[in-house]
């Protein structure tokens, strides 16, 4: 199983939806809360190629994007393969 990292904020509905999808699949992930931390926010934006919204999700070294992007992978049947590596 590939490691999953997700940059989030506590009151973000899309963040909660992403966590729920991963939990339904039994996937553990590292959550980085960027609220109130401008350094972590800058780090996320830099790593995400300028994207400023949360969540920003990485599976292994692959930047998936946000919840809509991850959910689209799930809908196309490609998320499990990416998680498996």
PDB file of N, CA and C in Angstrom:
ATOM      1  N   UNK A   1       0.847  -1.177   0.000  1.00  0.00           N
ATOM      2  CA  UNK A   1       0.000   0.000   0.000  1.00  0.00           C
ATOM      3  C   UNK A   1       0.894   1.243   0.000  1.00  0.00           C
ATOM      4  N   UNK A   2       0.619   2.152  -0.901  1.00  0.00           N
ATOM      5  CA  UNK A   2       1.362   3.405  -0.993  1.00  0.00           C
ATOM      6  C   UNK A   2       1.011   4.303   0.204  1.00  0.00           C
ATOM      7  N   UNK A   3       1.975   5.088   0.689  1.00  0.00           N
ATOM      8  CA  UNK A   3       1.641   6.047   1.737  1.00  0.00           C
ATOM      9  C   UNK A   3       0.776   7.169   1.156  1.00  0.00           C
ATOM     10  N   UNK A   4      -0.170   7.640   1.942  1.00  0.00           N
ATOM     11  CA  UNK A   4      -1.062   8.712   1.515  1.00  0.00           C
ATOM     12  C   UNK A   4      -0.856   9.896   2.459  1.00  0.00           C
ATOM     13  N   UNK A   5      -0.672  11.075   1.862  1.00  0.00           N
ATOM     14  CA  UNK A   5      -0.508  12.305   2.622  1.00  0.00           C
ATOM     15  C   UNK A   5      -1.566  13.290   2.150  1.00  0.00           C
ATOM     16  N   UNK A   6      -2.199  13.965   3.101  1.00  0.00           N
ATOM     17  CA  UNK A   6      -3.266  14.899   2.760  1.00  0.00           C
ATOM     18  C   UNK A   6      -3.116  16.177   3.595  1.00  0.00           C
ATOM     19  N   UNK A   7      -3.045  17.311   2.904  1.00  0.00           N
ATOM     20  CA  UNK A   7      -3.063  18.617   3.552  1.00  0.00           C
ATOM     21  C   UNK A   7      -4.518  19.018   3.723  1.00  0.00           C
ATOM     22  N   UNK A   8      -4.901  19.444   4.934  1.00  0.00           N
ATOM     23  CA  UNK A   8      -6.305  19.700   5.242  1.00  0.00           C
ATOM     24  C   UNK A   8      -6.472  20.939   6.119  1.00  0.00           C
ATOM     25  N   UNK A   9      -7.746  21.289   6.311  1.00  0.00           N
ATOM     26  CA  UNK A   9      -8.185  22.242   7.331  1.00  0.00           C
ATOM     27  C   UNK A   9      -9.364  21.593   8.048  1.00  0.00           C
ATOM     28  N   UNK A  10      -9.572  21.897   9.339  1.00  0.00           N
ATOM     29  CA  UNK A  10     -10.584  21.188  10.120  1.00  0.00           C
ATOM     30  C   UNK A  10     -12.029  21.370   9.658  1.00  0.00           C
ATOM     31  N   UNK A  11     -12.400  22.521   9.140  1.00  0.00           N
ATOM     32  CA  UNK A  11     -13.803  22.762   8.797  1.00  0.00           C
ATOM     33  C   UNK A  11     -14.048  22.673   7.296  1.00  0.00           C
ATOM     34  N   UNK A  12     -13.308  21.835   6.629  1.00  0.00           N
ATOM     35  CA  UNK A  12     -13.380  21.685   5.174  1.00  0.00           C
ATOM     36  C   UNK A  12     -14.208  20.441   4.837  1.00  0.00           C
ATOM     37  N   UNK A  13     -15.354  20.642   4.204  1.00  0.00           N
ATOM     38  CA  UNK A  13     -16.215  19.520   3.831  1.00  0.00           C
ATOM     39  C   UNK A  13     -15.558  18.556   2.856  1.00  0.00           C
ATOM     40  N   UNK A  14     -14.779  19.096   1.900  1.00  0.00           N
ATOM     41  CA  UNK A  14     -14.099  18.228   0.937  1.00  0.00           C
ATOM     42  C   UNK A  14     -13.012  17.402   1.622  1.00  0.00           C
ATOM     43  N   UNK A  15     -12.374  17.978   2.648  1.00  0.00           N
ATOM     44  CA  UNK A  15     -11.374  17.233   3.428  1.00  0.00           C
ATOM     45  C   UNK A  15     -12.038  16.057   4.136  1.00  0.00           C
ATOM     46  N   UNK A  16     -13.192  16.312   4.738  1.00  0.00           N
ATOM     47  CA  UNK A  16     -13.913  15.241   5.433  1.00  0.00           C
ATOM     48  C   UNK A  16     -14.368  14.162   4.455  1.00  0.00           C
ATOM     49  N   UNK A  17     -14.805  14.573   3.268  1.00  0.00           N
ATOM     50  CA  UNK A  17     -15.224  13.590   2.258  1.00  0.00           C
ATOM     51  C   UNK A  17     -14.044  12.733   1.813  1.00  0.00           C
ATOM     52  N   UNK A  18     -12.875  13.345   1.638  1.00  0.00           N
ATOM     53  CA  UNK A  18     -11.685  12.588   1.242  1.00  0.00           C
ATOM     54  C   UNK A  18     -11.291  11.593   2.333  1.00  0.00           C
ATOM     55  N   UNK A  19     -11.322  12.043   3.577  1.00  0.00           N
ATOM     56  CA  UNK A  19     -10.982  11.145   4.691  1.00  0.00           C
ATOM     57  C   UNK A  19     -11.981   9.995   4.793  1.00  0.00           C
ATOM     58  N   UNK A  20     -13.251  10.297   4.547  1.00  0.00           N
ATOM     59  CA  UNK A  20     -14.288   9.263   4.605  1.00  0.00           C
ATOM     60  C   UNK A  20     -14.056   8.211   3.510  1.00  0.00           C
ATOM     61  N   UNK A  21     -13.748   8.649   2.282  1.00  0.00           N
ATOM     62  CA  UNK A  21     -13.495   7.705   1.188  1.00  0.00           C
ATOM     63  C   UNK A  21     -12.306   6.808   1.510  1.00  0.00           C
ATOM     64  N   UNK A  22     -11.228   7.404   2.010  1.00  0.00           N
ATOM     65  CA  UNK A  22     -10.052   6.597   2.354  1.00  0.00           C
ATOM     66  C   UNK A  22     -10.360   5.637   3.500  1.00  0.00           C
ATOM     67  N   UNK A  23     -11.121   6.096   4.486  1.00  0.00           N
ATOM     68  CA  UNK A  23     -11.488   5.226   5.612  1.00  0.00           C
ATOM     69  C   UNK A  23     -12.337   4.055   5.142  1.00  0.00           C
ATOM     70  N   UNK A  24     -13.259   4.298   4.208  1.00  0.00           N
ATOM     71  CA  UNK A  24     -14.095   3.211   3.670  1.00  0.00           C
ATOM     72  C   UNK A  24     -13.243   2.153   2.985  1.00  0.00           C
ATOM     73  N   UNK A  25     -12.107   2.565   2.445  1.00  0.00           N
ATOM     74  CA  UNK A  25     -11.199   1.636   1.786  1.00  0.00           C
ATOM     75  C   UNK A  25     -10.179   1.041   2.754  1.00  0.00           C
ATOM     76  N   UNK A  26     -10.222   1.472   4.014  1.00  0.00           N
ATOM     77  CA  UNK A  26      -9.280   0.963   5.005  1.00  0.00           C
ATOM     78  C   UNK A  26      -7.878   1.513   4.836  1.00  0.00           C
ATOM     79  N   UNK A  27      -7.767   2.697   4.228  1.00  0.00           N
ATOM     80  CA  UNK A  27      -6.470   3.291   3.944  1.00  0.00           C
ATOM     81  C   UNK A  27      -6.092   4.257   5.068  1.00  0.00           C
ATOM     82  N   UNK A  28      -4.923   4.047   5.631  1.00  0.00           N
ATOM     83  CA  UNK A  28      -4.390   4.983   6.617  1.00  0.00           C
ATOM     84  C   UNK A  28      -3.679   6.095   5.867  1.00  0.00           C
ATOM     85  N   UNK A  29      -3.669   7.290   6.450  1.00  0.00           N
ATOM     86  CA  UNK A  29      -3.045   8.421   5.784  1.00  0.00           C
ATOM     87  C   UNK A  29      -2.442   9.356   6.828  1.00  0.00           C
ATOM     88  N   UNK A  30      -1.508  10.163   6.362  1.00  0.00           N
ATOM     89  CA  UNK A  30      -0.921  11.208   7.183  1.00  0.00           C
ATOM     90  C   UNK A  30      -1.650  12.494   6.857  1.00  0.00           C
ATOM     91  N   UNK A  31      -2.185  13.138   7.877  1.00  0.00           N
ATOM     92  CA  UNK A  31      -2.916  14.385   7.703  1.00  0.00           C
ATOM     93  C   UNK A  31      -2.065  15.544   8.197  1.00  0.00           C
ATOM     94  N   UNK A  32      -1.931  16.570   7.364  1.00  0.00           N
ATOM     95  CA  UNK A  32      -1.187  17.768   7.735  1.00  0.00           C
ATOM     96  C   UNK A  32      -2.174  18.923   7.752  1.00  0.00           C
ATOM     97  N   UNK A  33      -2.491  19.402   8.953  1.00  0.00           N
ATOM     98  CA  UNK A  33      -3.439  20.503   9.135  1.00  0.00           C
ATOM     99  C   UNK A  33      -2.699  21.813   8.906  1.00  0.00           C
ATOM    100  N   UNK A  34      -3.096  22.555   7.864  1.00  0.00           N
ATOM    101  CA  UNK A  34      -2.403  23.795   7.531  1.00  0.00           C
ATOM    102  C   UNK A  34      -3.051  25.028   8.153  1.00  0.00           C
ATOM    103  N   UNK A  35      -4.161  24.853   8.854  1.00  0.00           N
ATOM    104  CA  UNK A  35      -4.848  26.018   9.412  1.00  0.00           C
ATOM    105  C   UNK A  35      -3.948  26.716  10.432  1.00  0.00           C
ATOM    106  N   UNK A  36      -3.830  28.011  10.284  1.00  0.00           N
ATOM    107  CA  UNK A  36      -3.034  28.792  11.213  1.00  0.00           C
ATOM    108  C   UNK A  36      -1.533  28.619  11.070  1.00  0.00           C
ATOM    109  N   UNK A  37      -1.083  27.963   9.996  1.00  0.00           N
ATOM    110  CA  UNK A  37       0.347  27.749   9.818  1.00  0.00           C
ATOM    111  C   UNK A  37       0.749  28.158   8.396  1.00  0.00           C
ATOM    112  N   UNK A  38       1.138  29.408   8.207  1.00  0.00           N
ATOM    113  CA  UNK A  38       1.477  29.873   6.865  1.00  0.00           C
ATOM    114  C   UNK A  38       2.642  29.121   6.227  1.00  0.00           C
ATOM    115  N   UNK A  39       3.570  28.615   7.026  1.00  0.00           N
ATOM    116  CA  UNK A  39       4.695  27.856   6.460  1.00  0.00           C
ATOM    117  C   UNK A  39       4.216  26.560   5.824  1.00  0.00           C
ATOM    118  N   UNK A  40       3.320  25.838   6.514  1.00  0.00           N
ATOM    119  CA  UNK A  40       2.783  24.596   5.944  1.00  0.00           C
ATOM    120  C   UNK A  40       1.923  24.884   4.723  1.00  0.00           C
ATOM    121  N   UNK A  41       1.173  25.987   4.749  1.00  0.00           N
ATOM    122  CA  UNK A  41       0.355  26.369   3.593  1.00  0.00           C
ATOM    123  C   UNK A  41       1.251  26.649   2.384  1.00  0.00           C
ATOM    124  N   UNK A  42       2.331  27.394   2.585  1.00  0.00           N
ATOM    125  CA  UNK A  42       3.277  27.669   1.492  1.00  0.00           C
ATOM    126  C   UNK A  42       3.894  26.376   0.973  1.00  0.00           C
ATOM    127  N   UNK A  43       4.246  25.476   1.893  1.00  0.00           N
ATOM    128  CA  UNK A  43       4.810  24.180   1.494  1.00  0.00           C
ATOM    129  C   UNK A  43       3.828  23.427   0.609  1.00  0.00           C
ATOM    130  N   UNK A  44       2.555  23.385   1.014  1.00  0.00           N
ATOM    131  CA  UNK A  44       1.530  22.690   0.236  1.00  0.00           C
ATOM    132  C   UNK A  44       1.395  23.304  -1.149  1.00  0.00           C
ATOM    133  N   UNK A  45       1.295  24.622  -1.214  1.00  0.00           N
ATOM    134  CA  UNK A  45       1.123  25.306  -2.498  1.00  0.00           C
ATOM    135  C   UNK A  45       2.306  25.025  -3.421  1.00  0.00           C
ATOM    136  N   UNK A  46       3.502  25.061  -2.871  1.00  0.00           N
ATOM    137  CA  UNK A  46       4.699  24.795  -3.672  1.00  0.00           C
ATOM    138  C   UNK A  46       4.693  23.366  -4.191  1.00  0.00           C
ATOM    139  N   UNK A  47       4.409  22.406  -3.314  1.00  0.00           N
ATOM    140  CA  UNK A  47       4.392  20.996  -3.716  1.00  0.00           C
ATOM    141  C   UNK A  47       3.264  20.688  -4.696  1.00  0.00           C
ATOM    142  N   UNK A  48       2.144  21.438  -4.574  1.00  0.00           N
ATOM    143  CA  UNK A  48       0.962  21.172  -5.400  1.00  0.00           C
ATOM    144  C   UNK A  48       0.959  21.992  -6.687  1.00  0.00           C
ATOM    145  N   UNK A  49       2.088  22.569  -7.035  1.00  0.00           N
ATOM    146  CA  UNK A  49       2.178  23.291  -8.290  1.00  0.00           C
ATOM    147  C   UNK A  49       1.305  24.534  -8.344  1.00  0.00           C
ATOM    148  N   UNK A  50       1.126  25.188  -7.192  1.00  0.00           N
ATOM    149  CA  UNK A  50       0.366  26.424  -7.139  1.00  0.00           C
ATOM    150  C   UNK A  50      -1.079  26.275  -6.705  1.00  0.00           C
ATOM    151  N   UNK A  51      -1.554  25.061  -6.540  1.00  0.00           N
ATOM    152  CA  UNK A  51      -2.942  24.866  -6.085  1.00  0.00           C
ATOM    153  C   UNK A  51      -3.049  25.283  -4.628  1.00  0.00           C
ATOM    154  N   UNK A  52      -4.108  26.048  -4.332  1.00  0.00           N
ATOM    155  CA  UNK A  52      -4.243  26.639  -3.000  1.00  0.00           C
ATOM    156  C   UNK A  52      -5.379  26.047  -2.180  1.00  0.00           C
ATOM    157  N   UNK A  53      -6.193  25.192  -2.776  1.00  0.00           N
ATOM    158  CA  UNK A  53      -7.347  24.651  -2.071  1.00  0.00           C
ATOM    159  C   UNK A  53      -6.981  23.391  -1.296  1.00  0.00           C
ATOM    160  N   UNK A  54      -7.770  23.102  -0.275  1.00  0.00           N
ATOM    161  CA  UNK A  54      -7.616  21.854   0.471  1.00  0.00           C
ATOM    162  C   UNK A  54      -8.841  20.994   0.220  1.00  0.00           C
ATOM    163  N   UNK A  55      -8.686  19.686   0.276  1.00  0.00           N
ATOM    164  CA  UNK A  55      -7.433  18.989   0.537  1.00  0.00           C
ATOM    165  C   UNK A  55      -6.541  18.946  -0.698  1.00  0.00           C
ATOM    166  N   UNK A  56      -5.272  18.731  -0.468  1.00  0.00           N
ATOM    167  CA  UNK A  56      -4.328  18.353  -1.510  1.00  0.00           C
ATOM    168  C   UNK A  56      -3.787  17.001  -1.081  1.00  0.00           C
ATOM    169  N   UNK A  57      -3.874  16.038  -1.997  1.00  0.00           N
ATOM    170  CA  UNK A  57      -3.640  14.630  -1.654  1.00  0.00           C
ATOM    171  C   UNK A  57      -2.515  14.059  -2.509  1.00  0.00           C
ATOM    172  N   UNK A  58      -1.616  13.329  -1.853  1.00  0.00           N
ATOM    173  CA  UNK A  58      -0.559  12.590  -2.533  1.00  0.00           C
ATOM    174  C   UNK A  58      -0.704  11.123  -2.192  1.00  0.00           C
ATOM    175  N   UNK A  59      -0.574  10.286  -3.196  1.00  0.00           N
ATOM    176  CA  UNK A  59      -0.510   8.835  -3.004  1.00  0.00           C
ATOM    177  C   UNK A  59       0.867   8.428  -3.476  1.00  0.00           C
ATOM    178  N   UNK A  60       1.690   8.001  -2.531  1.00  0.00           N
ATOM    179  CA  UNK A  60       3.094   7.801  -2.845  1.00  0.00           C
ATOM    180  C   UNK A  60       3.674   9.140  -3.263  1.00  0.00           C
ATOM    181  N   UNK A  61       4.348   9.177  -4.404  1.00  0.00           N
ATOM    182  CA  UNK A  61       4.926  10.418  -4.926  1.00  0.00           C
ATOM    183  C   UNK A  61       3.995  11.106  -5.921  1.00  0.00           C
ATOM    184  N   UNK A  62       2.817  10.532  -6.165  1.00  0.00           N
ATOM    185  CA  UNK A  62       1.882  11.070  -7.152  1.00  0.00           C
ATOM    186  C   UNK A  62       0.942  12.079  -6.516  1.00  0.00           C
ATOM    187  N   UNK A  63       0.943  13.294  -7.047  1.00  0.00           N
ATOM    188  CA  UNK A  63       0.002  14.313  -6.579  1.00  0.00           C
ATOM    189  C   UNK A  63      -1.332  14.044  -7.260  1.00  0.00           C
ATOM    190  N   UNK A  64      -2.322  13.662  -6.464  1.00  0.00           N
ATOM    191  CA  UNK A  64      -3.655  13.354  -6.977  1.00  0.00           C
ATOM    192  C   UNK A  64      -4.445  14.633  -7.201  1.00  0.00           C
ATOM    193  N   UNK A  65      -4.283  15.608  -6.314  1.00  0.00           N
ATOM    194  CA  UNK A  65      -5.065  16.836  -6.353  1.00  0.00           C
ATOM    195  C   UNK A  65      -5.997  16.866  -5.163  1.00  0.00           C
ATOM    196  N   UNK A  66      -7.230  17.344  -5.396  1.00  0.00           N
ATOM    197  CA  UNK A  66      -8.204  17.456  -4.328  1.00  0.00           C
ATOM    198  C   UNK A  66      -9.156  16.274  -4.275  1.00  0.00           C
ATOM    199  N   UNK A  67     -10.206  16.423  -3.465  1.00  0.00           N
ATOM    200  CA  UNK A  67     -11.177  15.341  -3.320  1.00  0.00           C
ATOM    201  C   UNK A  67     -11.846  15.007  -4.644  1.00  0.00           C
ATOM    202  N   UNK A  68     -12.244  16.018  -5.416  1.00  0.00           N
ATOM    203  CA  UNK A  68     -12.904  15.741  -6.697  1.00  0.00           C
ATOM    204  C   UNK A  68     -12.015  14.907  -7.605  1.00  0.00           C
ATOM    205  N   UNK A  69     -10.719  15.191  -7.601  1.00  0.00           N
ATOM    206  CA  UNK A  69      -9.773  14.434  -8.420  1.00  0.00           C
ATOM    207  C   UNK A  69      -9.676  12.985  -7.939  1.00  0.00           C
ATOM    208  N   UNK A  70      -9.581  12.805  -6.619  1.00  0.00           N
ATOM    209  CA  UNK A  70      -9.493  11.452  -6.072  1.00  0.00           C
ATOM    210  C   UNK A  70     -10.793  10.687  -6.314  1.00  0.00           C
ATOM    211  N   UNK A  71     -11.910  11.360  -6.157  1.00  0.00           N
ATOM    212  CA  UNK A  71     -13.201  10.721  -6.373  1.00  0.00           C
ATOM    213  C   UNK A  71     -13.375  10.327  -7.845  1.00  0.00           C
ATOM    214  N   UNK A  72     -12.846  11.150  -8.758  1.00  0.00           N
ATOM    215  CA  UNK A  72     -12.897  10.814 -10.182  1.00  0.00           C
ATOM    216  C   UNK A  72     -12.066   9.557 -10.466  1.00  0.00           C
ATOM    217  N   UNK A  73     -10.908   9.443  -9.817  1.00  0.00           N
ATOM    218  CA  UNK A  73     -10.108   8.216  -9.961  1.00  0.00           C
ATOM    219  C   UNK A  73     -10.897   7.006  -9.480  1.00  0.00           C
ATOM    220  N   UNK A  74     -11.593   7.166  -8.364  1.00  0.00           N
ATOM    221  CA  UNK A  74     -12.419   6.081  -7.825  1.00  0.00           C
ATOM    222  C   UNK A  74     -13.518   5.714  -8.830  1.00  0.00           C
ATOM    223  N   UNK A  75     -14.158   6.720  -9.414  1.00  0.00           N
ATOM    224  CA  UNK A  75     -15.234   6.480 -10.363  1.00  0.00           C
ATOM    225  C   UNK A  75     -14.766   5.765 -11.623  1.00  0.00           C
ATOM    226  N   UNK A  76     -13.523   6.007 -12.013  1.00  0.00           N
ATOM    227  CA  UNK A  76     -12.942   5.335 -13.195  1.00  0.00           C
ATOM    228  C   UNK A  76     -12.296   3.995 -12.840  1.00  0.00           C
ATOM    229  N   UNK A  77     -12.354   3.626 -11.552  1.00  0.00           N
ATOM    230  CA  UNK A  77     -11.789   2.346 -11.136  1.00  0.00           C
ATOM    231  C   UNK A  77     -10.267   2.356 -11.075  1.00  0.00           C
ATOM    232  N   UNK A  78      -9.649   3.526 -10.934  1.00  0.00           N
ATOM    233  CA  UNK A  78      -8.193   3.618 -10.948  1.00  0.00           C
ATOM    234  C   UNK A  78      -7.575   3.905  -9.577  1.00  0.00           C
ATOM    235  N   UNK A  79      -8.405   4.246  -8.589  1.00  0.00           N
ATOM    236  CA  UNK A  79      -7.857   4.610  -7.278  1.00  0.00           C
ATOM    237  C   UNK A  79      -7.216   3.419  -6.578  1.00  0.00           C
ATOM    238  N   UNK A  80      -7.842   2.274  -6.609  1.00  0.00           N
ATOM    239  CA  UNK A  80      -7.282   1.106  -5.906  1.00  0.00           C
ATOM    240  C   UNK A  80      -5.911   0.736  -6.455  1.00  0.00           C
ATOM    241  N   UNK A  81      -5.745   0.785  -7.759  1.00  0.00           N
ATOM    242  CA  UNK A  81      -4.452   0.455  -8.365  1.00  0.00           C
ATOM    243  C   UNK A  81      -3.390   1.461  -7.945  1.00  0.00           C
ATOM    244  N   UNK A  82      -3.751   2.736  -7.890  1.00  0.00           N
ATOM    245  CA  UNK A  82      -2.789   3.754  -7.468  1.00  0.00           C
ATOM    246  C   UNK A  82      -2.412   3.548  -5.993  1.00  0.00           C
ATOM    247  N   UNK A  83      -3.393   3.225  -5.166  1.00  0.00           N
ATOM    248  CA  UNK A  83      -3.111   2.965  -3.759  1.00  0.00           C
ATOM    249  C   UNK A  83      -2.211   1.747  -3.584  1.00  0.00           C
ATOM    250  N   UNK A  84      -2.434   0.740  -4.406  1.00  0.00           N
ATOM    251  CA  UNK A  84      -1.650  -0.497  -4.303  1.00  0.00           C
ATOM    252  C   UNK A  84      -0.215  -0.307  -4.797  1.00  0.00           C
ATOM    253  N   UNK A  85      -0.025   0.668  -5.677  1.00  0.00           N
ATOM    254  CA  UNK A  85       1.315   0.914  -6.207  1.00  0.00           C
ATOM    255  C   UNK A  85       1.554   0.058  -7.394  1.00  0.00           C
TER     256      UNK A  85
END
